[in-house]
Amino acid sequence: MSIKVQEYIREDASIPYKQWFDSLSAQAAAKVTVAKLRMELGNTSSIKWFDGMGEYVIDWGPGYRIYLAKDGDTLIVLFGGGTKRGQQRDIDKAKELLSEYKARKKAIHANTSSKHKR
């Protein structure tokens, strides 16, 4: 089963995952790209789930992490990443982005529903 993996785009058009990804070395970026491809192929065994979100652990170098959430069965939304050292700070930031994502999705859904009821 394939899964759509997409980066979360904030209301101000910034992309936290892309900002993090662009700061990586070429080797680290390659490892992260492989992890993303594995998720797209439905291989989510490297993801640890907690508090409604996931942490994809890449056991290489400083221990890279990708923070994400599932939206339904076929969509994974990427919020950012980091290393084992900054893990708690990265998790807190990802949780913030996840609640922002959910709030925006709810608002969009509410607007769509009210337009259909007229």
PDB file of N, CA and C in Angstrom:
ATOM      1  N   MET A   1       0.841  -1.188   0.000  1.00  0.00           N
ATOM      2  CA  MET A   1       0.000   0.000   0.000  1.00  0.00           C
ATOM      3  C   MET A   1       0.883   1.247   0.000  1.00  0.00           C
ATOM      4  N   SER A   2       0.658   2.131  -0.946  1.00  0.00           N
ATOM      5  CA  SER A   2       1.479   3.335  -0.962  1.00  0.00           C
ATOM      6  C   SER A   2       0.820   4.429  -0.121  1.00  0.00           C
ATOM      7  N   ILE A   3       1.656   5.270   0.430  1.00  0.00           N
ATOM      8  CA  ILE A   3       1.217   6.341   1.311  1.00  0.00           C
ATOM      9  C   ILE A   3       1.728   7.651   0.727  1.00  0.00           C
ATOM     10  N   LYS A   4       0.885   8.668   0.744  1.00  0.00           N
ATOM     11  CA  LYS A   4       1.318   9.985   0.281  1.00  0.00           C
ATOM     12  C   LYS A   4       2.032  10.665   1.448  1.00  0.00           C
ATOM     13  N   VAL A   5       3.251  11.118   1.208  1.00  0.00           N
ATOM     14  CA  VAL A   5       4.034  11.807   2.227  1.00  0.00           C
ATOM     15  C   VAL A   5       4.206  13.247   1.765  1.00  0.00           C
ATOM     16  N   GLN A   6       3.733  14.184   2.569  1.00  0.00           N
ATOM     17  CA  GLN A   6       3.865  15.583   2.173  1.00  0.00           C
ATOM     18  C   GLN A   6       4.353  16.432   3.335  1.00  0.00           C
ATOM     19  N   GLU A   7       4.966  17.548   2.995  1.00  0.00           N
ATOM     20  CA  GLU A   7       5.491  18.459   3.996  1.00  0.00           C
ATOM     21  C   GLU A   7       4.401  19.439   4.400  1.00  0.00           C
ATOM     22  N   TYR A   8       4.345  19.749   5.680  1.00  0.00           N
ATOM     23  CA  TYR A   8       3.376  20.714   6.178  1.00  0.00           C
ATOM     24  C   TYR A   8       3.801  22.119   5.772  1.00  0.00           C
ATOM     25  N   ILE A   9       2.875  22.861   5.159  1.00  0.00           N
ATOM     26  CA  ILE A   9       3.127  24.241   4.758  1.00  0.00           C
ATOM     27  C   ILE A   9       2.308  25.141   5.683  1.00  0.00           C
ATOM     28  N   ARG A  10       2.995  26.007   6.402  1.00  0.00           N
ATOM     29  CA  ARG A  10       2.334  26.892   7.355  1.00  0.00           C
ATOM     30  C   ARG A  10       1.573  27.994   6.626  1.00  0.00           C
ATOM     31  N   GLU A  11       0.727  28.697   7.370  1.00  0.00           N
ATOM     32  CA  GLU A  11      -0.083  29.764   6.789  1.00  0.00           C
ATOM     33  C   GLU A  11       0.779  30.861   6.149  1.00  0.00           C
ATOM     34  N   ASP A  12       1.971  31.101   6.709  1.00  0.00           N
ATOM     35  CA  ASP A  12       2.872  32.119   6.137  1.00  0.00           C
ATOM     36  C   ASP A  12       3.718  31.561   4.987  1.00  0.00           C
ATOM     37  N   ALA A  13       3.363  30.357   4.523  1.00  0.00           N
ATOM     38  CA  ALA A  13       4.010  29.661   3.396  1.00  0.00           C
ATOM     39  C   ALA A  13       5.386  29.087   3.746  1.00  0.00           C
ATOM     40  N   SER A  14       5.813  29.169   5.001  1.00  0.00           N
ATOM     41  CA  SER A  14       7.091  28.545   5.375  1.00  0.00           C
ATOM     42  C   SER A  14       6.885  27.039   5.520  1.00  0.00           C
ATOM     43  N   ILE A  15       7.949  26.284   5.288  1.00  0.00           N
ATOM     44  CA  ILE A  15       7.885  24.820   5.339  1.00  0.00           C
ATOM     45  C   ILE A  15       8.959  24.348   6.327  1.00  0.00           C
ATOM     46  N   PRO A  16       8.570  24.119   7.595  1.00  0.00           N
ATOM     47  CA  PRO A  16       9.555  23.741   8.619  1.00  0.00           C
ATOM     48  C   PRO A  16      10.396  22.514   8.247  1.00  0.00           C
ATOM     49  N   TYR A  17       9.783  21.512   7.646  1.00  0.00           N
ATOM     50  CA  TYR A  17      10.526  20.303   7.270  1.00  0.00           C
ATOM     51  C   TYR A  17      11.600  20.635   6.228  1.00  0.00           C
ATOM     52  N   LYS A  18      11.234  21.431   5.222  1.00  0.00           N
ATOM     53  CA  LYS A  18      12.169  21.806   4.161  1.00  0.00           C
ATOM     54  C   LYS A  18      13.322  22.632   4.739  1.00  0.00           C
ATOM     55  N   GLN A  19      13.007  23.540   5.670  1.00  0.00           N
ATOM     56  CA  GLN A  19      14.064  24.362   6.290  1.00  0.00           C
ATOM     57  C   GLN A  19      15.071  23.454   6.996  1.00  0.00           C
ATOM     58  N   TRP A  20      14.575  22.440   7.703  1.00  0.00           N
ATOM     59  CA  TRP A  20      15.467  21.504   8.388  1.00  0.00           C
ATOM     60  C   TRP A  20      16.246  20.673   7.368  1.00  0.00           C
ATOM     61  N   PHE A  21      15.529  20.117   6.382  1.00  0.00           N
ATOM     62  CA  PHE A  21      16.148  19.252   5.366  1.00  0.00           C
ATOM     63  C   PHE A  21      17.265  19.981   4.626  1.00  0.00           C
ATOM     64  N   ASP A  22      17.010  21.246   4.272  1.00  0.00           N
ATOM     65  CA  ASP A  22      17.998  22.027   3.525  1.00  0.00           C
ATOM     66  C   ASP A  22      19.265  22.300   4.329  1.00  0.00           C
ATOM     67  N   SER A  23      19.205  22.148   5.653  1.00  0.00           N
ATOM     68  CA  SER A  23      20.376  22.401   6.493  1.00  0.00           C
ATOM     69  C   SER A  23      21.254  21.151   6.665  1.00  0.00           C
ATOM     70  N   LEU A  24      20.796  20.017   6.157  1.00  0.00           N
ATOM     71  CA  LEU A  24      21.522  18.755   6.339  1.00  0.00           C
ATOM     72  C   LEU A  24      22.716  18.627   5.392  1.00  0.00           C
ATOM     73  N   SER A  25      23.695  17.817   5.798  1.00  0.00           N
ATOM     74  CA  SER A  25      24.808  17.492   4.902  1.00  0.00           C
ATOM     75  C   SER A  25      24.266  16.594   3.785  1.00  0.00           C
ATOM     76  N   ALA A  26      25.011  16.451   2.713  1.00  0.00           N
ATOM     77  CA  ALA A  26      24.571  15.610   1.588  1.00  0.00           C
ATOM     78  C   ALA A  26      24.304  14.173   2.038  1.00  0.00           C
ATOM     79  N   GLN A  27      25.191  13.625   2.877  1.00  0.00           N
ATOM     80  CA  GLN A  27      25.008  12.240   3.360  1.00  0.00           C
ATOM     81  C   GLN A  27      23.747  12.108   4.199  1.00  0.00           C
ATOM     82  N   ALA A  28      23.542  13.046   5.119  1.00  0.00           N
ATOM     83  CA  ALA A  28      22.354  13.005   5.987  1.00  0.00           C
ATOM     84  C   ALA A  28      21.081  13.168   5.140  1.00  0.00           C
ATOM     85  N   ALA A  29      21.136  14.085   4.165  1.00  0.00           N
ATOM     86  CA  ALA A  29      19.981  14.311   3.289  1.00  0.00           C
ATOM     87  C   ALA A  29      19.632  13.036   2.520  1.00  0.00           C
ATOM     88  N   ALA A  30      20.646  12.301   2.103  1.00  0.00           N
ATOM     89  CA  ALA A  30      20.410  11.038   1.386  1.00  0.00           C
ATOM     90  C   ALA A  30      19.717  10.028   2.303  1.00  0.00           C
ATOM     91  N   LYS A  31      20.155   9.920   3.549  1.00  0.00           N
ATOM     92  CA  LYS A  31      19.538   8.997   4.517  1.00  0.00           C
ATOM     93  C   LYS A  31      18.085   9.380   4.764  1.00  0.00           C
ATOM     94  N   VAL A  32      17.829  10.683   4.906  1.00  0.00           N
ATOM     95  CA  VAL A  32      16.471  11.169   5.162  1.00  0.00           C
ATOM     96  C   VAL A  32      15.579  10.925   3.943  1.00  0.00           C
ATOM     97  N   THR A  33      16.130  11.110   2.740  1.00  0.00           N
ATOM     98  CA  THR A  33      15.370  10.866   1.510  1.00  0.00           C
ATOM     99  C   THR A  33      14.970   9.390   1.407  1.00  0.00           C
ATOM    100  N   VAL A  34      15.888   8.502   1.757  1.00  0.00           N
ATOM    101  CA  VAL A  34      15.576   7.065   1.744  1.00  0.00           C
ATOM    102  C   VAL A  34      14.458   6.765   2.748  1.00  0.00           C
ATOM    103  N   ALA A  35      14.524   7.376   3.921  1.00  0.00           N
ATOM    104  CA  ALA A  35      13.488   7.173   4.946  1.00  0.00           C
ATOM    105  C   ALA A  35      12.121   7.619   4.413  1.00  0.00           C
ATOM    106  N   LYS A  36      12.104   8.761   3.748  1.00  0.00           N
ATOM    107  CA  LYS A  36      10.855   9.293   3.179  1.00  0.00           C
ATOM    108  C   LYS A  36      10.299   8.337   2.114  1.00  0.00           C
ATOM    109  N   LEU A  37      11.177   7.806   1.262  1.00  0.00           N
ATOM    110  CA  LEU A  37      10.749   6.848   0.234  1.00  0.00           C
ATOM    111  C   LEU A  37      10.168   5.582   0.874  1.00  0.00           C
ATOM    112  N   ARG A  38      10.809   5.117   1.952  1.00  0.00           N
ATOM    113  CA  ARG A  38      10.306   3.929   2.654  1.00  0.00           C
ATOM    114  C   ARG A  38       8.892   4.177   3.184  1.00  0.00           C
ATOM    115  N   MET A  39       8.659   5.378   3.738  1.00  0.00           N
ATOM    116  CA  MET A  39       7.316   5.712   4.227  1.00  0.00           C
ATOM    117  C   MET A  39       6.312   5.688   3.074  1.00  0.00           C
ATOM    118  N   GLU A  40       6.713   6.254   1.919  1.00  0.00           N
ATOM    119  CA  GLU A  40       5.815   6.285   0.751  1.00  0.00           C
ATOM    120  C   GLU A  40       5.456   4.874   0.298  1.00  0.00           C
ATOM    121  N   LEU A  41       6.373   3.930   0.509  1.00  0.00           N
ATOM    122  CA  LEU A  41       6.112   2.534   0.132  1.00  0.00           C
ATOM    123  C   LEU A  41       5.317   1.787   1.208  1.00  0.00           C
ATOM    124  N   GLY A  42       4.973   2.502   2.279  1.00  0.00           N
ATOM    125  CA  GLY A  42       4.171   1.891   3.334  1.00  0.00           C
ATOM    126  C   GLY A  42       4.982   1.251   4.446  1.00  0.00           C
ATOM    127  N   ASN A  43       6.312   1.409   4.402  1.00  0.00           N
ATOM    128  CA  ASN A  43       7.158   0.837   5.447  1.00  0.00           C
ATOM    129  C   ASN A  43       7.274   1.843   6.591  1.00  0.00           C
ATOM    130  N   THR A  44       6.457   1.636   7.620  1.00  0.00           N
ATOM    131  CA  THR A  44       6.447   2.565   8.749  1.00  0.00           C
ATOM    132  C   THR A  44       6.982   1.903  10.028  1.00  0.00           C
ATOM    133  N   SER A  45       7.729   0.800   9.864  1.00  0.00           N
ATOM    134  CA  SER A  45       8.210   0.061  11.032  1.00  0.00           C
ATOM    135  C   SER A  45       9.245   0.841  11.848  1.00  0.00           C
ATOM    136  N   SER A  46       9.899   1.847  11.253  1.00  0.00           N
ATOM    137  CA  SER A  46      10.893   2.632  11.986  1.00  0.00           C
ATOM    138  C   SER A  46      10.273   3.813  12.728  1.00  0.00           C
ATOM    139  N   ILE A  47       8.938   3.914  12.692  1.00  0.00           N
ATOM    140  CA  ILE A  47       8.262   5.036  13.341  1.00  0.00           C
ATOM    141  C   ILE A  47       7.803   4.625  14.737  1.00  0.00           C
ATOM    142  N   LYS A  48       8.162   5.463  15.731  1.00  0.00           N
ATOM    143  CA  LYS A  48       7.659   5.276  17.095  1.00  0.00           C
ATOM    144  C   LYS A  48       6.516   6.268  17.268  1.00  0.00           C
ATOM    145  N   TRP A  49       5.352   5.779  17.662  1.00  0.00           N
ATOM    146  CA  TRP A  49       4.164   6.630  17.791  1.00  0.00           C
ATOM    147  C   TRP A  49       3.939   7.023  19.243  1.00  0.00           C
ATOM    148  N   PHE A  50       3.619   8.282  19.478  1.00  0.00           N
ATOM    149  CA  PHE A  50       3.292   8.784  20.815  1.00  0.00           C
ATOM    150  C   PHE A  50       2.537  10.104  20.665  1.00  0.00           C
ATOM    151  N   ASP A  51       1.620  10.378  21.584  1.00  0.00           N
ATOM    152  CA  ASP A  51       0.877  11.651  21.611  1.00  0.00           C
ATOM    153  C   ASP A  51       0.297  12.047  20.251  1.00  0.00           C
ATOM    154  N   GLY A  52      -0.164  11.063  19.473  1.00  0.00           N
ATOM    155  CA  GLY A  52      -0.792  11.369  18.189  1.00  0.00           C
ATOM    156  C   GLY A  52       0.174  11.728  17.076  1.00  0.00           C
ATOM    157  N   MET A  53       1.454  11.541  17.333  1.00  0.00           N
ATOM    158  CA  MET A  53       2.431  11.845  16.285  1.00  0.00           C
ATOM    159  C   MET A  53       3.484  10.754  16.227  1.00  0.00           C
ATOM    160  N   GLY A  54       4.328  10.808  15.209  1.00  0.00           N
ATOM    161  CA  GLY A  54       5.350   9.787  15.032  1.00  0.00           C
ATOM    162  C   GLY A  54       6.742  10.383  14.965  1.00  0.00           C
ATOM    163  N   GLU A  55       7.697   9.543  15.317  1.00  0.00           N
ATOM    164  CA  GLU A  55       9.106   9.903  15.229  1.00  0.00           C
ATOM    165  C   GLU A  55       9.792   8.791  14.444  1.00  0.00           C
ATOM    166  N   TYR A  56      10.237   9.120  13.233  1.00  0.00           N
ATOM    167  CA  TYR A  56      10.947   8.149  12.409  1.00  0.00           C
ATOM    168  C   TYR A  56      12.411   8.226  12.809  1.00  0.00           C
ATOM    169  N   VAL A  57      12.952   7.121  13.324  1.00  0.00           N
ATOM    170  CA  VAL A  57      14.328   7.102  13.809  1.00  0.00           C
ATOM    171  C   VAL A  57      15.260   6.540  12.732  1.00  0.00           C
ATOM    172  N   ILE A  58      16.289   7.313  12.404  1.00  0.00           N
ATOM    173  CA  ILE A  58      17.312   6.878  11.457  1.00  0.00           C
ATOM    174  C   ILE A  58      18.566   6.581  12.287  1.00  0.00           C
ATOM    175  N   ASP A  59      18.891   5.301  12.382  1.00  0.00           N
ATOM    176  CA  ASP A  59      19.996   4.874  13.224  1.00  0.00           C
ATOM    177  C   ASP A  59      21.310   5.052  12.478  1.00  0.00           C
ATOM    178  N   TRP A  60      21.749   6.304  12.365  1.00  0.00           N
ATOM    179  CA  TRP A  60      22.959   6.647  11.628  1.00  0.00           C
ATOM    180  C   TRP A  60      23.458   7.998  12.135  1.00  0.00           C
ATOM    181  N   GLY A  61      24.751   8.184  12.166  1.00  0.00           N
ATOM    182  CA  GLY A  61      25.319   9.463  12.592  1.00  0.00           C
ATOM    183  C   GLY A  61      24.837   9.846  13.981  1.00  0.00           C
ATOM    184  N   PRO A  62      24.399  11.105  14.135  1.00  0.00           N
ATOM    185  CA  PRO A  62      23.947  11.560  15.455  1.00  0.00           C
ATOM    186  C   PRO A  62      22.533  11.075  15.820  1.00  0.00           C
ATOM    187  N   GLY A  63      21.975  10.174  15.035  1.00  0.00           N
ATOM    188  CA  GLY A  63      20.638   9.655  15.321  1.00  0.00           C
ATOM    189  C   GLY A  63      19.567  10.620  14.848  1.00  0.00           C
ATOM    190  N   TYR A  64      19.417  10.713  13.538  1.00  0.00           N
ATOM    191  CA  TYR A  64      18.438  11.641  12.971  1.00  0.00           C
ATOM    192  C   TYR A  64      17.013  11.195  13.266  1.00  0.00           C
ATOM    193  N   ARG A  65      16.121  12.178  13.383  1.00  0.00           N
ATOM    194  CA  ARG A  65      14.706  11.943  13.652  1.00  0.00           C
ATOM    195  C   ARG A  65      13.890  12.755  12.657  1.00  0.00           C
ATOM    196  N   ILE A  66      12.769  12.164  12.193  1.00  0.00           N
ATOM    197  CA  ILE A  66      11.816  12.907  11.362  1.00  0.00           C
ATOM    198  C   ILE A  66      10.501  12.896  12.136  1.00  0.00           C
ATOM    199  N   TYR A  67       9.900  14.064  12.320  1.00  0.00           N
ATOM    200  CA  TYR A  67       8.648  14.165  13.071  1.00  0.00           C
ATOM    201  C   TYR A  67       7.487  14.322  12.111  1.00  0.00           C
ATOM    202  N   LEU A  68       6.432  13.545  12.364  1.00  0.00           N
ATOM    203  CA  LEU A  68       5.330  13.439  11.413  1.00  0.00           C
ATOM    204  C   LEU A  68       4.034  13.052  12.108  1.00  0.00           C
ATOM    205  N   ALA A  69       2.970  13.071  11.346  1.00  0.00           N
ATOM    206  CA  ALA A  69       1.677  12.590  11.838  1.00  0.00           C
ATOM    207  C   ALA A  69       0.953  11.925  10.688  1.00  0.00           C
ATOM    208  N   LYS A  70       0.099  10.974  11.039  1.00  0.00           N
ATOM    209  CA  LYS A  70      -0.739  10.340  10.020  1.00  0.00           C
ATOM    210  C   LYS A  70      -2.044  11.110   9.940  1.00  0.00           C
ATOM    211  N   ASP A  71      -2.536  11.280   8.745  1.00  0.00           N
ATOM    212  CA  ASP A  71      -3.841  11.904   8.529  1.00  0.00           C
ATOM    213  C   ASP A  71      -4.625  10.898   7.702  1.00  0.00           C
ATOM    214  N   GLY A  72      -5.416  10.076   8.369  1.00  0.00           N
ATOM    215  CA  GLY A  72      -6.108   8.991   7.678  1.00  0.00           C
ATOM    216  C   GLY A  72      -5.129   7.857   7.414  1.00  0.00           C
ATOM    217  N   ASP A  73      -5.481   6.960   6.506  1.00  0.00           N
ATOM    218  CA  ASP A  73      -4.649   5.782   6.258  1.00  0.00           C
ATOM    219  C   ASP A  73      -3.599   5.990   5.180  1.00  0.00           C
ATOM    220  N   THR A  74      -3.774   7.014   4.355  1.00  0.00           N
ATOM    221  CA  THR A  74      -2.904   7.119   3.182  1.00  0.00           C
ATOM    222  C   THR A  74      -2.075   8.393   3.127  1.00  0.00           C
ATOM    223  N   LEU A  75      -2.050   9.174   4.219  1.00  0.00           N
ATOM    224  CA  LEU A  75      -1.310  10.431   4.193  1.00  0.00           C
ATOM    225  C   LEU A  75      -0.440  10.570   5.438  1.00  0.00           C
ATOM    226  N   ILE A  76       0.814  10.923   5.220  1.00  0.00           N
ATOM    227  CA  ILE A  76       1.722  11.259   6.316  1.00  0.00           C
ATOM    228  C   ILE A  76       2.159  12.700   6.091  1.00  0.00           C
ATOM    229  N   VAL A  77       2.065  13.514   7.137  1.00  0.00           N
ATOM    230  CA  VAL A  77       2.457  14.913   7.062  1.00  0.00           C
ATOM    231  C   VAL A  77       3.752  15.091   7.850  1.00  0.00           C
ATOM    232  N   LEU A  78       4.774  15.644   7.186  1.00  0.00           N
ATOM    233  CA  LEU A  78       6.078  15.841   7.809  1.00  0.00           C
ATOM    234  C   LEU A  78       6.172  17.234   8.426  1.00  0.00           C
ATOM    235  N   PHE A  79       6.608  17.286   9.678  1.00  0.00           N
ATOM    236  CA  PHE A  79       6.692  18.567  10.385  1.00  0.00           C
ATOM    237  C   PHE A  79       8.115  19.061  10.589  1.00  0.00           C
ATOM    238  N   GLY A  80       9.079  18.177  10.558  1.00  0.00           N
ATOM    239  CA  GLY A  80      10.455  18.617  10.763  1.00  0.00           C
ATOM    240  C   GLY A  80      11.329  17.461  11.183  1.00  0.00           C
ATOM    241  N   GLY A  81      12.508  17.799  11.669  1.00  0.00           N
ATOM    242  CA  GLY A  81      13.428  16.762  12.079  1.00  0.00           C
ATOM    243  C   GLY A  81      14.484  17.302  13.001  1.00  0.00           C
ATOM    244  N   GLY A  82      15.423  16.432  13.321  1.00  0.00           N
ATOM    245  CA  GLY A  82      16.507  16.829  14.199  1.00  0.00           C
ATOM    246  C   GLY A  82      17.365  15.625  14.513  1.00  0.00           C
ATOM    247  N   THR A  83      18.110  15.735  15.600  1.00  0.00           N
ATOM    248  CA  THR A  83      18.959  14.631  16.033  1.00  0.00           C
ATOM    249  C   THR A  83      18.607  14.267  17.469  1.00  0.00           C
ATOM    250  N   LYS A  84      19.154  13.159  17.916  1.00  0.00           N
ATOM    251  CA  LYS A  84      18.892  12.663  19.269  1.00  0.00           C
ATOM    252  C   LYS A  84      19.167  13.756  20.310  1.00  0.00           C
ATOM    253  N   ARG A  85      20.221  14.545  20.095  1.00  0.00           N
ATOM    254  CA  ARG A  85      20.631  15.559  21.071  1.00  0.00           C
ATOM    255  C   ARG A  85      19.558  16.620  21.330  1.00  0.00           C
ATOM    256  N   GLY A  86      18.893  17.082  20.271  1.00  0.00           N
ATOM    257  CA  GLY A  86      17.875  18.127  20.433  1.00  0.00           C
ATOM    258  C   GLY A  86      16.470  17.565  20.443  1.00  0.00           C
ATOM    259  N   GLN A  87      16.348  16.288  20.770  1.00  0.00           N
ATOM    260  CA  GLN A  87      15.091  15.549  20.637  1.00  0.00           C
ATOM    261  C   GLN A  87      13.895  16.219  21.311  1.00  0.00           C
ATOM    262  N   GLN A  88      14.016  16.594  22.588  1.00  0.00           N
ATOM    263  CA  GLN A  88      12.852  17.150  23.288  1.00  0.00           C
ATOM    264  C   GLN A  88      12.403  18.467  22.675  1.00  0.00           C
ATOM    265  N   ARG A  89      13.362  19.323  22.334  1.00  0.00           N
ATOM    266  CA  ARG A  89      13.022  20.605  21.690  1.00  0.00           C
ATOM    267  C   ARG A  89      12.327  20.349  20.352  1.00  0.00           C
ATOM    268  N   ASP A  90      12.846  19.385  19.587  1.00  0.00           N
ATOM    269  CA  ASP A  90      12.274  19.068  18.270  1.00  0.00           C
ATOM    270  C   ASP A  90      10.861  18.489  18.407  1.00  0.00           C
ATOM    271  N   ILE A  91      10.665  17.649  19.426  1.00  0.00           N
ATOM    272  CA  ILE A  91       9.340  17.061  19.665  1.00  0.00           C
ATOM    273  C   ILE A  91       8.348  18.167  20.025  1.00  0.00           C
ATOM    274  N   ASP A  92       8.759  19.087  20.903  1.00  0.00           N
ATOM    275  CA  ASP A  92       7.870  20.184  21.301  1.00  0.00           C
ATOM    276  C   ASP A  92       7.468  21.034  20.102  1.00  0.00           C
ATOM    277  N   LYS A  93       8.428  21.316  19.222  1.00  0.00           N
ATOM    278  CA  LYS A  93       8.148  22.115  18.027  1.00  0.00           C
ATOM    279  C   LYS A  93       7.189  21.360  17.101  1.00  0.00           C
ATOM    280  N   ALA A  94       7.417  20.063  16.929  1.00  0.00           N
ATOM    281  CA  ALA A  94       6.550  19.249  16.064  1.00  0.00           C
ATOM    282  C   ALA A  94       5.133  19.188  16.627  1.00  0.00           C
ATOM    283  N   LYS A  95       4.996  19.087  17.943  1.00  0.00           N
ATOM    284  CA  LYS A  95       3.663  19.062  18.572  1.00  0.00           C
ATOM    285  C   LYS A  95       2.918  20.362  18.311  1.00  0.00           C
ATOM    286  N   GLU A  96       3.655  21.475  18.385  1.00  0.00           N
ATOM    287  CA  GLU A  96       3.071  22.782  18.089  1.00  0.00           C
ATOM    288  C   GLU A  96       2.544  22.814  16.655  1.00  0.00           C
ATOM    289  N   LEU A  97       3.371  22.348  15.720  1.00  0.00           N
ATOM    290  CA  LEU A  97       2.987  22.343  14.313  1.00  0.00           C
ATOM    291  C   LEU A  97       1.813  21.404  14.058  1.00  0.00           C
ATOM    292  N   LEU A  98       1.787  20.273  14.770  1.00  0.00           N
ATOM    293  CA  LEU A  98       0.687  19.328  14.619  1.00  0.00           C
ATOM    294  C   LEU A  98      -0.628  19.959  15.075  1.00  0.00           C
ATOM    295  N   SER A  99      -0.623  20.653  16.211  1.00  0.00           N
ATOM    296  CA  SER A  99      -1.881  21.256  16.661  1.00  0.00           C
ATOM    297  C   SER A  99      -2.300  22.397  15.741  1.00  0.00           C
ATOM    298  N   GLU A 100      -1.324  23.112  15.176  1.00  0.00           N
ATOM    299  CA  GLU A 100      -1.621  24.162  14.191  1.00  0.00           C
ATOM    300  C   GLU A 100      -2.260  23.538  12.948  1.00  0.00           C
ATOM    301  N   TYR A 101      -1.677  22.435  12.480  1.00  0.00           N
ATOM    302  CA  TYR A 101      -2.192  21.713  11.309  1.00  0.00           C
ATOM    303  C   TYR A 101      -3.644  21.280  11.547  1.00  0.00           C
ATOM    304  N   LYS A 102      -3.899  20.679  12.715  1.00  0.00           N
ATOM    305  CA  LYS A 102      -5.248  20.199  13.036  1.00  0.00           C
ATOM    306  C   LYS A 102      -6.244  21.353  13.110  1.00  0.00           C
ATOM    307  N   ALA A 103      -5.839  22.459  13.719  1.00  0.00           N
ATOM    308  CA  ALA A 103      -6.724  23.627  13.851  1.00  0.00           C
ATOM    309  C   ALA A 103      -7.060  24.207  12.473  1.00  0.00           C
ATOM    310  N   ARG A 104      -6.048  24.308  11.609  1.00  0.00           N
ATOM    311  CA  ARG A 104      -6.286  24.831  10.259  1.00  0.00           C
ATOM    312  C   ARG A 104      -7.172  23.892   9.457  1.00  0.00           C
ATOM    313  N   LYS A 105      -6.943  22.589   9.597  1.00  0.00           N
ATOM    314  CA  LYS A 105      -7.753  21.604   8.879  1.00  0.00           C
ATOM    315  C   LYS A 105      -9.217  21.681   9.325  1.00  0.00           C
ATOM    316  N   LYS A 106      -9.407  21.831  10.633  1.00  0.00           N
ATOM    317  CA  LYS A 106     -10.749  21.937  11.214  1.00  0.00           C
ATOM    318  C   LYS A 106     -11.448  23.192  10.685  1.00  0.00           C
ATOM    319  N   ALA A 107     -10.727  24.315  10.634  1.00  0.00           N
ATOM    320  CA  ALA A 107     -11.282  25.581  10.147  1.00  0.00           C
ATOM    321  C   ALA A 107     -11.667  25.461   8.671  1.00  0.00           C
ATOM    322  N   ILE A 108     -10.811  24.839   7.875  1.00  0.00           N
ATOM    323  CA  ILE A 108     -11.092  24.650   6.452  1.00  0.00           C
ATOM    324  C   ILE A 108     -12.335  23.768   6.299  1.00  0.00           C
ATOM    325  N   HIS A 109     -12.399  22.687   7.080  1.00  0.00           N
ATOM    326  CA  HIS A 109     -13.539  21.767   7.032  1.00  0.00           C
ATOM    327  C   HIS A 109     -14.829  22.487   7.433  1.00  0.00           C
ATOM    328  N   ALA A 110     -14.768  23.326   8.461  1.00  0.00           N
ATOM    329  CA  ALA A 110     -15.933  24.069   8.938  1.00  0.00           C
ATOM    330  C   ALA A 110     -16.419  25.034   7.858  1.00  0.00           C
ATOM    331  N   ASN A 111     -15.477  25.721   7.179  1.00  0.00           N
ATOM    332  CA  ASN A 111     -15.846  26.635   6.096  1.00  0.00           C
ATOM    333  C   ASN A 111     -16.493  25.894   4.938  1.00  0.00           C
ATOM    334  N   THR A 112     -15.951  24.738   4.583  1.00  0.00           N
ATOM    335  CA  THR A 112     -16.488  23.943   3.494  1.00  0.00           C
ATOM    336  C   THR A 112     -17.882  23.439   3.842  1.00  0.00           C
ATOM    337  N   SER A 113     -18.062  22.958   5.062  1.00  0.00           N
ATOM    338  CA  SER A 113     -19.364  22.433   5.499  1.00  0.00           C
ATOM    339  C   SER A 113     -20.422  23.532   5.487  1.00  0.00           C
ATOM    340  N   SER A 114     -20.092  24.737   5.970  1.00  0.00           N
ATOM    341  CA  SER A 114     -21.085  25.801   6.024  1.00  0.00           C
ATOM    342  C   SER A 114     -21.481  26.268   4.634  1.00  0.00           C
ATOM    343  N   LYS A 115     -20.572  26.192   3.670  1.00  0.00           N
ATOM    344  CA  LYS A 115     -20.890  26.603   2.300  1.00  0.00           C
ATOM    345  C   LYS A 115     -21.862  25.610   1.655  1.00  0.00           C
ATOM    346  N   HIS A 116     -21.708  24.326   2.001  1.00  0.00           N
ATOM    347  CA  HIS A 116     -22.595  23.298   1.411  1.00  0.00           C
ATOM    348  C   HIS A 116     -24.000  23.324   2.000  1.00  0.00           C
ATOM    349  N   LYS A 117     -24.163  23.900   3.187  1.00  0.00           N
ATOM    350  CA  LYS A 117     -25.468  23.887   3.854  1.00  0.00           C
ATOM    351  C   LYS A 117     -26.390  24.979   3.362  1.00  0.00           C
ATOM    352  N   ARG A 118     -25.878  25.974   2.635  1.00  0.00           N
ATOM    353  CA  ARG A 118     -26.716  27.095   2.178  1.00  0.00           C
ATOM    354  C   ARG A 118     -27.718  26.691   1.142  1.00  0.00           C
TER     355      ARG A 118
END
